[in-house]
């Protein structure tokens, strides 16, 4: 993984940890996943983000 991908993964994980409900985590995961896909950085599903709760 590149340095940028590592930074994005750390940021994504940290933001998910701040979400108090599963619904907020899933919404954030969907929004950021679309953003990452659109920018071509990486797909969040490659990091197994769906398993972070």
N, C-alpha and C. Protein backbone atom coordinates (compact mmCIF):
# COMPACT_ATOMS: atom_id res chain seq x y z
N UNK A 1 0.84 -1.18 0.00
CA UNK A 1 0.00 0.00 0.00
C UNK A 1 0.88 1.24 0.00
N UNK A 2 0.48 2.25 -0.69
CA UNK A 2 1.25 3.48 -0.74
C UNK A 2 1.06 4.27 0.55
N UNK A 3 1.91 5.28 0.74
CA UNK A 3 1.81 6.12 1.93
C UNK A 3 0.45 6.83 1.99
N UNK A 4 -0.03 7.30 0.84
CA UNK A 4 -1.33 7.96 0.81
C UNK A 4 -2.43 7.00 1.21
N UNK A 5 -2.38 5.80 0.72
CA UNK A 5 -3.39 4.80 1.08
C UNK A 5 -3.34 4.48 2.56
N UNK A 6 -2.14 4.42 3.12
CA UNK A 6 -2.02 4.17 4.57
C UNK A 6 -2.63 5.31 5.37
N UNK A 7 -2.38 6.53 4.95
CA UNK A 7 -2.95 7.70 5.64
C UNK A 7 -4.46 7.70 5.55
N UNK A 8 -4.98 7.38 4.38
CA UNK A 8 -6.43 7.34 4.18
C UNK A 8 -7.04 6.24 5.06
N UNK A 9 -6.39 5.10 5.12
CA UNK A 9 -6.89 4.00 5.94
C UNK A 9 -6.93 4.39 7.42
N UNK A 10 -5.88 5.04 7.91
CA UNK A 10 -5.83 5.46 9.30
C UNK A 10 -6.92 6.49 9.59
N UNK A 11 -7.08 7.45 8.70
CA UNK A 11 -8.11 8.47 8.86
C UNK A 11 -9.50 7.84 8.86
N UNK A 12 -9.73 6.96 7.92
CA UNK A 12 -11.03 6.30 7.78
C UNK A 12 -11.36 5.51 9.05
N UNK A 13 -10.38 4.74 9.54
CA UNK A 13 -10.58 3.94 10.74
C UNK A 13 -10.86 4.82 11.95
N UNK A 14 -10.12 5.92 12.06
CA UNK A 14 -10.31 6.84 13.18
C UNK A 14 -11.70 7.49 13.14
N UNK A 15 -12.13 7.91 11.96
CA UNK A 15 -13.46 8.51 11.84
C UNK A 15 -14.56 7.51 12.17
N UNK A 16 -14.41 6.28 11.72
CA UNK A 16 -15.41 5.26 12.03
C UNK A 16 -15.49 5.01 13.53
N UNK A 17 -14.36 5.05 14.21
CA UNK A 17 -14.34 4.81 15.65
C UNK A 17 -15.10 5.91 16.41
N UNK A 18 -15.20 7.10 15.83
CA UNK A 18 -15.90 8.21 16.48
C UNK A 18 -17.42 8.14 16.32
N UNK A 19 -17.90 7.33 15.39
CA UNK A 19 -19.33 7.24 15.14
C UNK A 19 -19.98 6.39 16.23
N UNK A 20 -21.00 6.95 16.92
CA UNK A 20 -21.59 6.24 18.06
C UNK A 20 -22.54 5.09 17.69
N UNK A 21 -23.14 5.13 16.51
CA UNK A 21 -24.09 4.06 16.17
C UNK A 21 -23.65 3.34 14.90
N UNK A 22 -24.15 2.13 14.75
CA UNK A 22 -23.84 1.32 13.58
C UNK A 22 -24.35 2.01 12.31
N UNK A 23 -25.47 2.72 12.42
CA UNK A 23 -26.05 3.39 11.26
C UNK A 23 -25.15 4.53 10.78
N UNK A 24 -24.60 5.26 11.73
CA UNK A 24 -23.69 6.35 11.36
C UNK A 24 -22.40 5.79 10.75
N UNK A 25 -21.91 4.69 11.30
CA UNK A 25 -20.70 4.06 10.74
C UNK A 25 -20.94 3.60 9.31
N UNK A 26 -22.09 2.97 9.08
CA UNK A 26 -22.40 2.48 7.74
C UNK A 26 -22.57 3.63 6.75
N UNK A 27 -23.20 4.71 7.19
CA UNK A 27 -23.38 5.87 6.31
C UNK A 27 -22.04 6.50 5.96
N UNK A 28 -21.18 6.69 6.96
CA UNK A 28 -19.86 7.25 6.71
C UNK A 28 -19.05 6.34 5.80
N UNK A 29 -19.13 5.05 6.04
CA UNK A 29 -18.42 4.08 5.21
C UNK A 29 -18.88 4.16 3.76
N UNK A 30 -20.16 4.30 3.53
CA UNK A 30 -20.69 4.39 2.16
C UNK A 30 -20.24 5.69 1.48
N UNK A 31 -20.35 6.80 2.20
CA UNK A 31 -19.97 8.09 1.61
C UNK A 31 -18.48 8.13 1.28
N UNK A 32 -17.65 7.73 2.23
CA UNK A 32 -16.21 7.76 1.98
C UNK A 32 -15.80 6.74 0.94
N UNK A 33 -16.49 5.61 0.89
CA UNK A 33 -16.20 4.62 -0.14
C UNK A 33 -16.45 5.17 -1.53
N UNK A 34 -17.55 5.89 -1.69
CA UNK A 34 -17.85 6.52 -2.98
C UNK A 34 -16.81 7.59 -3.33
N UNK A 35 -16.42 8.37 -2.32
CA UNK A 35 -15.42 9.40 -2.54
C UNK A 35 -14.09 8.79 -2.96
N UNK A 36 -13.66 7.77 -2.26
CA UNK A 36 -12.38 7.13 -2.59
C UNK A 36 -12.43 6.49 -3.97
N UNK A 37 -13.55 5.88 -4.29
CA UNK A 37 -13.69 5.25 -5.61
C UNK A 37 -13.63 6.31 -6.71
N UNK A 38 -14.28 7.45 -6.47
CA UNK A 38 -14.31 8.52 -7.47
C UNK A 38 -12.93 9.16 -7.67
N UNK A 39 -12.15 9.24 -6.60
CA UNK A 39 -10.82 9.85 -6.70
C UNK A 39 -9.78 8.85 -7.16
N UNK A 40 -10.12 7.57 -7.14
CA UNK A 40 -9.21 6.55 -7.61
C UNK A 40 -8.11 6.18 -6.62
N UNK A 41 -8.25 6.62 -5.35
CA UNK A 41 -7.22 6.29 -4.36
C UNK A 41 -7.23 4.79 -4.11
N UNK A 42 -8.37 4.28 -3.75
CA UNK A 42 -8.52 2.86 -3.49
C UNK A 42 -9.98 2.63 -3.12
N UNK A 43 -10.37 1.40 -3.14
CA UNK A 43 -11.73 1.07 -2.69
C UNK A 43 -11.67 0.69 -1.23
N UNK A 44 -12.57 1.22 -0.43
CA UNK A 44 -12.61 0.93 1.00
C UNK A 44 -12.81 -0.57 1.24
N UNK A 45 -13.50 -1.25 0.33
CA UNK A 45 -13.74 -2.68 0.52
C UNK A 45 -12.44 -3.47 0.47
N UNK A 46 -11.40 -2.93 -0.17
CA UNK A 46 -10.11 -3.61 -0.19
C UNK A 46 -9.47 -3.66 1.19
N UNK A 47 -9.90 -2.76 2.07
CA UNK A 47 -9.34 -2.70 3.42
C UNK A 47 -10.20 -3.45 4.41
N UNK A 48 -11.28 -4.05 3.97
CA UNK A 48 -12.15 -4.76 4.88
C UNK A 48 -12.91 -3.85 5.82
N UNK A 49 -13.23 -2.64 5.36
CA UNK A 49 -13.89 -1.67 6.23
C UNK A 49 -15.27 -2.15 6.68
N UNK A 50 -15.89 -3.02 5.92
CA UNK A 50 -17.23 -3.47 6.30
C UNK A 50 -17.21 -4.24 7.62
N UNK A 51 -16.05 -4.71 8.03
CA UNK A 51 -15.97 -5.47 9.27
C UNK A 51 -15.68 -4.60 10.48
N UNK A 52 -15.39 -3.31 10.29
CA UNK A 52 -15.09 -2.42 11.40
C UNK A 52 -16.40 -1.93 12.00
N UNK A 53 -16.59 -2.20 13.27
CA UNK A 53 -17.82 -1.80 13.95
C UNK A 53 -17.47 -1.24 15.30
